C-alpha atoms as a PDB file:
ATOM      1  CA  UNK A   1     124.161 -99.226-252.670  1.00  0.00           C
ATOM      2  CA  UNK A   2     125.654 -96.538-254.884  1.00  0.00           C
ATOM      3  CA  UNK A   3     126.450 -97.345-258.481  1.00  0.00           C
ATOM      4  CA  UNK A   4     129.912 -96.381-259.727  1.00  0.00           C
ATOM      5  CA  UNK A   5     130.247 -93.534-262.196  1.00  0.00           C
ATOM      6  CA  UNK A   6     132.297 -94.313-265.281  1.00  0.00           C
ATOM      7  CA  UNK A   7     134.157 -91.822-267.421  1.00  0.00           C
ATOM      8  CA  UNK A   8     136.245 -92.590-270.472  1.00  0.00           C
ATOM      9  CA  UNK A   9     139.219 -93.769-268.386  1.00  0.00           C
ATOM     10  CA  UNK A  10     138.086 -93.697-264.758  1.00  0.00           C
ATOM     11  CA  UNK A  11     135.853 -95.631-262.351  1.00  0.00           C
ATOM     12  CA  UNK A  12     134.529 -93.306-259.642  1.00  0.00           C
ATOM     13  CA  UNK A  13     133.250 -95.055-256.512  1.00  0.00           C
ATOM     14  CA  UNK A  14     131.714 -93.946-253.243  1.00  0.00           C
ATOM     15  CA  UNK A  15     134.473 -94.534-250.669  1.00  0.00           C
ATOM     16  CA  UNK A  16     134.303 -97.518-248.343  1.00  0.00           C
ATOM     17  CA  UNK A  17     136.482 -98.265-245.279  1.00  0.00           C
ATOM     18  CA  UNK A  18     138.607-100.683-247.331  1.00  0.00           C
ATOM     19  CA  UNK A  19     139.791 -97.685-249.424  1.00  0.00           C
ATOM     20  CA  UNK A  20     141.486 -96.002-246.452  1.00  0.00           C
ATOM     21  CA  UNK A  21     145.021 -97.340-247.006  1.00  0.00           C
ATOM     22  CA  UNK A  22     145.065 -96.493-250.720  1.00  0.00           C
ATOM     23  CA  UNK A  23     143.698 -92.992-250.116  1.00  0.00           C
ATOM     24  CA  UNK A  24     146.177 -92.393-247.276  1.00  0.00           C
ATOM     25  CA  UNK A  25     149.074 -93.468-249.512  1.00  0.00           C
ATOM     26  CA  UNK A  26     148.174 -90.634-251.894  1.00  0.00           C
ATOM     27  CA  UNK A  27     147.377 -88.056-249.197  1.00  0.00           C
ATOM     28  CA  UNK A  28     150.688 -88.622-247.400  1.00  0.00           C
ATOM     29  CA  UNK A  29     152.843 -88.251-250.518  1.00  0.00           C
ATOM     30  CA  UNK A  30     154.585 -84.849-250.398  1.00  0.00           C
ATOM     31  CA  UNK A  31     154.599 -84.728-254.213  1.00  0.00           C
ATOM     32  CA  UNK A  32     150.819 -84.179-254.260  1.00  0.00           C
ATOM     33  CA  UNK A  33     151.049 -81.350-251.725  1.00  0.00           C
ATOM     34  CA  UNK A  34     153.645 -79.127-253.406  1.00  0.00           C
ATOM     35  CA  UNK A  35     151.226 -76.160-253.379  1.00  0.00           C
ATOM     36  CA  UNK A  36     150.187 -76.574-249.739  1.00  0.00           C
ATOM     37  CA  UNK A  37     152.677 -78.835-247.920  1.00  0.00           C
ATOM     38  CA  UNK A  38     151.274 -78.191-244.444  1.00  0.00           C
ATOM     39  CA  UNK A  39     148.092 -80.089-245.400  1.00  0.00           C
ATOM     40  CA  UNK A  40     149.923 -83.334-246.183  1.00  0.00           C
ATOM     41  CA  UNK A  41     148.539 -86.221-244.160  1.00  0.00           C
ATOM     42  CA  UNK A  42     151.099 -87.671-241.774  1.00  0.00           C
ATOM     43  CA  UNK A  43     148.659 -89.856-239.831  1.00  0.00           C
ATOM     44  CA  UNK A  44     146.062 -92.246-241.166  1.00  0.00           C
ATOM     45  CA  UNK A  45     143.538 -90.734-238.714  1.00  0.00           C
ATOM     46  CA  UNK A  46     143.626 -87.498-240.758  1.00  0.00           C
ATOM     47  CA  UNK A  47     142.631 -89.406-243.883  1.00  0.00           C
ATOM     48  CA  UNK A  48     139.941 -91.319-241.969  1.00  0.00           C
ATOM     49  CA  UNK A  49     138.483 -88.006-240.764  1.00  0.00           C
ATOM     50  CA  UNK A  50     138.503 -86.633-244.320  1.00  0.00           C
ATOM     51  CA  UNK A  51     136.741 -89.748-245.598  1.00  0.00           C
ATOM     52  CA  UNK A  52     134.134 -89.320-242.824  1.00  0.00           C
ATOM     53  CA  UNK A  53     133.401 -85.813-244.155  1.00  0.00           C
ATOM     54  CA  UNK A  54     132.952 -87.316-247.631  1.00  0.00           C
ATOM     55  CA  UNK A  55     130.564 -89.891-246.192  1.00  0.00           C
ATOM     56  CA  UNK A  56     128.617 -87.122-244.437  1.00  0.00           C
ATOM     57  CA  UNK A  57     128.241 -85.343-247.786  1.00  0.00           C
ATOM     58  CA  UNK A  58     127.037 -88.561-249.429  1.00  0.00           C
ATOM     59  CA  UNK A  59     124.473 -89.066-246.633  1.00  0.00           C
ATOM     60  CA  UNK A  60     123.244 -85.458-246.663  1.00  0.00           C
ATOM     61  CA  UNK A  61     123.286 -84.682-250.370  1.00  0.00           C
ATOM     62  CA  UNK A  62     123.551 -87.957-252.277  1.00  0.00           C
ATOM     63  CA  UNK A  63     127.000 -86.983-253.543  1.00  0.00           C
ATOM     64  CA  UNK A  64     130.497 -86.586-252.135  1.00  0.00           C
ATOM     65  CA  UNK A  65     134.071 -87.279-253.097  1.00  0.00           C
ATOM     66  CA  UNK A  66     134.766 -90.467-254.994  1.00  0.00           C
ATOM     67  CA  UNK A  67     137.696 -92.829-254.888  1.00  0.00           C
ATOM     68  CA  UNK A  68     139.207 -92.752-258.376  1.00  0.00           C
ATOM     69  CA  UNK A  69     140.409 -95.918-260.107  1.00  0.00           C
ATOM     70  CA  UNK A  70     141.775 -96.473-263.572  1.00  0.00           C
ATOM     71  CA  UNK A  71     139.190 -98.454-265.509  1.00  0.00           C
ATOM     72  CA  UNK A  72     141.907-100.406-267.300  1.00  0.00           C
ATOM     73  CA  UNK A  73     143.650-101.715-264.179  1.00  0.00           C
ATOM     74  CA  UNK A  74     141.542-100.924-261.106  1.00  0.00           C
ATOM     75  CA  UNK A  75     144.483 -99.032-259.547  1.00  0.00           C
ATOM     76  CA  UNK A  76     143.426 -96.309-257.075  1.00  0.00           C
ATOM     77  CA  UNK A  77     144.921 -93.079-258.387  1.00  0.00           C
ATOM     78  CA  UNK A  78     143.100 -90.431-256.378  1.00  0.00           C
ATOM     79  CA  UNK A  79     139.949 -88.988-254.960  1.00  0.00           C
ATOM     80  CA  UNK A  80     137.618 -86.141-255.746  1.00  0.00           C
ATOM     81  CA  UNK A  81     134.413 -84.970-257.313  1.00  0.00           C
ATOM     82  CA  UNK A  82     131.910 -82.672-255.608  1.00  0.00           C
ATOM     83  CA  UNK A  83     131.312 -82.443-251.881  1.00  0.00           C
ATOM     84  CA  UNK A  84     128.646 -80.339-250.183  1.00  0.00           C
ATOM     85  CA  UNK A  85     130.172 -77.523-248.092  1.00  0.00           C
ATOM     86  CA  UNK A  86     128.188 -75.974-245.264  1.00  0.00           C
ATOM     87  CA  UNK A  87     124.923 -76.983-246.905  1.00  0.00           C
ATOM     88  CA  UNK A  88     125.486 -74.136-249.351  1.00  0.00           C
ATOM     89  CA  UNK A  89     127.776 -74.990-252.264  1.00  0.00           C
ATOM     90  CA  UNK A  90     129.236 -77.908-254.182  1.00  0.00           C
ATOM     91  CA  UNK A  91     133.002 -77.929-253.829  1.00  0.00           C
ATOM     92  CA  UNK A  92     134.801 -79.324-256.860  1.00  0.00           C
ATOM     93  CA  UNK A  93     138.016 -80.921-255.667  1.00  0.00           C
ATOM     94  CA  UNK A  94     140.508 -83.625-256.478  1.00  0.00           C
ATOM     95  CA  UNK A  95     143.796 -85.148-255.504  1.00  0.00           C
ATOM     96  CA  UNK A  96     145.573 -87.342-258.050  1.00  0.00           C
ATOM     97  CA  UNK A  97     148.579 -89.555-257.235  1.00  0.00           C
ATOM     98  CA  UNK A  98     151.820 -87.887-258.311  1.00  0.00           C
ATOM     99  CA  UNK A  99     152.740 -90.699-260.709  1.00  0.00           C
ATOM    100  CA  UNK A 100     149.532 -89.932-262.631  1.00  0.00           C
ATOM    101  CA  UNK A 101     149.823 -86.132-262.913  1.00  0.00           C
ATOM    102  CA  UNK A 102     149.773 -84.599-266.363  1.00  0.00           C
ATOM    103  CA  UNK A 103     147.369 -87.052-268.018  1.00  0.00           C
ATOM    104  CA  UNK A 104     144.138 -85.040-267.674  1.00  0.00           C
ATOM    105  CA  UNK A 105     142.660 -87.273-264.964  1.00  0.00           C
ATOM    106  CA  UNK A 106     141.892 -84.322-262.656  1.00  0.00           C
ATOM    107  CA  UNK A 107     139.917 -82.561-265.390  1.00  0.00           C
ATOM    108  CA  UNK A 108     138.071 -85.771-266.302  1.00  0.00           C
ATOM    109  CA  UNK A 109     137.206 -86.330-262.638  1.00  0.00           C
ATOM    110  CA  UNK A 110     136.167 -82.708-262.055  1.00  0.00           C
ATOM    111  CA  UNK A 111     133.873 -82.735-265.095  1.00  0.00           C
ATOM    112  CA  UNK A 112     132.166 -85.907-263.825  1.00  0.00           C
ATOM    113  CA  UNK A 113     131.699 -84.272-260.412  1.00  0.00           C
ATOM    114  CA  UNK A 114     130.182 -81.150-261.937  1.00  0.00           C
ATOM    115  CA  UNK A 115     127.822 -83.245-264.061  1.00  0.00           C
ATOM    116  CA  UNK A 116     126.704 -85.260-261.022  1.00  0.00           C
ATOM    117  CA  UNK A 117     126.204 -82.167-258.850  1.00  0.00           C
ATOM    118  CA  UNK A 118     124.244 -80.330-261.538  1.00  0.00           C
ATOM    119  CA  UNK A 119     122.127 -83.450-262.036  1.00  0.00           C
ATOM    120  CA  UNK A 120     121.212 -83.474-258.348  1.00  0.00           C
ATOM    121  CA  UNK A 121     120.853 -79.764-257.596  1.00  0.00           C
ATOM    122  CA  UNK A 122     121.430 -77.460-260.562  1.00  0.00           C
ATOM    123  CA  UNK A 123     120.560 -74.347-258.513  1.00  0.00           C
ATOM    124  CA  UNK A 124     123.334 -74.949-255.945  1.00  0.00           C
ATOM    125  CA  UNK A 125     126.539 -73.055-256.840  1.00  0.00           C
ATOM    126  CA  UNK A 126     129.703 -74.890-257.821  1.00  0.00           C
ATOM    127  CA  UNK A 127     132.975 -73.624-256.398  1.00  0.00           C
ATOM    128  CA  UNK A 128     136.637 -74.493-256.498  1.00  0.00           C
ATOM    129  CA  UNK A 129     138.966 -72.986-253.929  1.00  0.00           C
ATOM    130  CA  UNK A 130     142.714 -73.096-254.210  1.00  0.00           C
ATOM    131  CA  UNK A 131     145.902 -71.262-253.406  1.00  0.00           C
ATOM    132  CA  UNK A 132     146.955 -68.695-255.976  1.00  0.00           C
ATOM    133  CA  UNK A 133     150.250 -70.297-256.947  1.00  0.00           C
ATOM    134  CA  UNK A 134     148.454 -73.514-257.954  1.00  0.00           C
ATOM    135  CA  UNK A 135     147.954 -72.529-261.591  1.00  0.00           C
ATOM    136  CA  UNK A 136     147.097 -76.097-262.648  1.00  0.00           C
ATOM    137  CA  UNK A 137     144.023 -76.121-260.406  1.00  0.00           C
ATOM    138  CA  UNK A 138     143.045 -72.638-261.586  1.00  0.00           C
ATOM    139  CA  UNK A 139     143.188 -73.838-265.211  1.00  0.00           C
ATOM    140  CA  UNK A 140     140.884 -76.747-264.377  1.00  0.00           C
ATOM    141  CA  UNK A 141     138.369 -74.411-262.695  1.00  0.00           C
ATOM    142  CA  UNK A 142     138.471 -72.221-265.792  1.00  0.00           C
ATOM    143  CA  UNK A 143     137.981 -75.261-268.077  1.00  0.00           C
ATOM    144  CA  UNK A 144     134.836 -76.016-266.053  1.00  0.00           C
ATOM    145  CA  UNK A 145     133.497 -72.546-266.863  1.00  0.00           C
ATOM    146  CA  UNK A 146     134.159 -71.042-263.436  1.00  0.00           C
ATOM    147  CA  UNK A 147     135.432 -67.522-262.904  1.00  0.00           C
ATOM    148  CA  UNK A 148     137.356 -65.932-260.051  1.00  0.00           C
ATOM    149  CA  UNK A 149     134.935 -64.476-257.482  1.00  0.00           C
ATOM    150  CA  UNK A 150     137.201 -63.984-254.451  1.00  0.00           C
ATOM    151  CA  UNK A 151     140.879 -63.367-253.695  1.00  0.00           C
ATOM    152  CA  UNK A 152     142.216 -62.773-250.184  1.00  0.00           C
ATOM    153  CA  UNK A 153     144.962 -63.909-247.812  1.00  0.00           C
ATOM    154  CA  UNK A 154     144.580 -67.601-246.983  1.00  0.00           C
ATOM    155  CA  UNK A 155     143.473 -67.509-243.338  1.00  0.00           C
ATOM    156  CA  UNK A 156     145.243 -70.123-241.259  1.00  0.00           C
ATOM    157  CA  UNK A 157     147.959 -70.803-243.823  1.00  0.00           C
ATOM    158  CA  UNK A 158     151.378 -71.026-242.170  1.00  0.00           C
ATOM    159  CA  UNK A 159     152.693 -68.810-244.971  1.00  0.00           C
ATOM    160  CA  UNK A 160     150.948 -65.430-244.543  1.00  0.00           C
ATOM    161  CA  UNK A 161     151.843 -64.382-248.094  1.00  0.00           C
ATOM    162  CA  UNK A 162     149.686 -67.103-249.670  1.00  0.00           C
ATOM    163  CA  UNK A 163     146.489 -65.928-251.333  1.00  0.00           C
ATOM    164  CA  UNK A 164     143.272 -67.978-251.451  1.00  0.00           C
ATOM    165  CA  UNK A 165     141.261 -67.929-254.678  1.00  0.00           C
ATOM    166  CA  UNK A 166     137.633 -68.934-254.987  1.00  0.00           C
ATOM    167  CA  UNK A 167     136.252 -69.737-258.411  1.00  0.00           C
ATOM    168  CA  UNK A 168     132.515 -70.221-258.948  1.00  0.00           C
ATOM    169  CA  UNK A 169     130.050 -70.877-261.711  1.00  0.00           C
ATOM    170  CA  UNK A 170     128.016 -67.802-260.654  1.00  0.00           C
ATOM    171  CA  UNK A 171     128.175 -64.877-258.210  1.00  0.00           C
ATOM    172  CA  UNK A 172     128.040 -66.106-254.609  1.00  0.00           C
ATOM    173  CA  UNK A 173     125.824 -64.802-251.825  1.00  0.00           C
ATOM    174  CA  UNK A 174     127.659 -63.995-248.563  1.00  0.00           C
ATOM    175  CA  UNK A 175     126.523 -67.269-246.888  1.00  0.00           C
ATOM    176  CA  UNK A 176     127.774 -69.278-249.861  1.00  0.00           C
ATOM    177  CA  UNK A 177     131.183 -67.598-249.795  1.00  0.00           C
ATOM    178  CA  UNK A 178     131.367 -68.063-246.005  1.00  0.00           C
ATOM    179  CA  UNK A 179     130.765 -71.827-246.458  1.00  0.00           C
ATOM    180  CA  UNK A 180     133.863 -71.939-248.677  1.00  0.00           C
ATOM    181  CA  UNK A 181     136.078 -69.823-246.430  1.00  0.00           C
ATOM    182  CA  UNK A 182     135.348 -71.680-243.153  1.00  0.00           C
END
């Protein structure tokens, strides 16, 4: 059994199957996908597959994305933390329900993920990858002490003009960057 992680305002829990509907409700909301609308979940199976990848990270590395609840109410407001990518890097990521944007929850969540990942494996790089026009996510990566290490067209994006940015807490070896770009 995994113990929840508590921050000042959030309860971060390892996902369980009962979380699927609440996570899907956030993932299918177009307001949380304004920077990358083609990734919006339109079927619950997409969310279930994503949660399976989180579970795989938890099993392999002892850490993966959390389900995020407000401590005050228990309401599910998002998901995120650090997930192992390709056995190489910790990916810092988050998705916060649109009604809760602008309150600093993503930064609070990301900081907890970084702390947990560094506590487990401090020598594994931390990365955040995002599309260039998502300045809010770039600011969070910068708040975490990451710097831009890669900028290139976003392979597979339906909009060929979109650029992919990779931020990291240190220079990345080729295998580490490849794990992010897959």
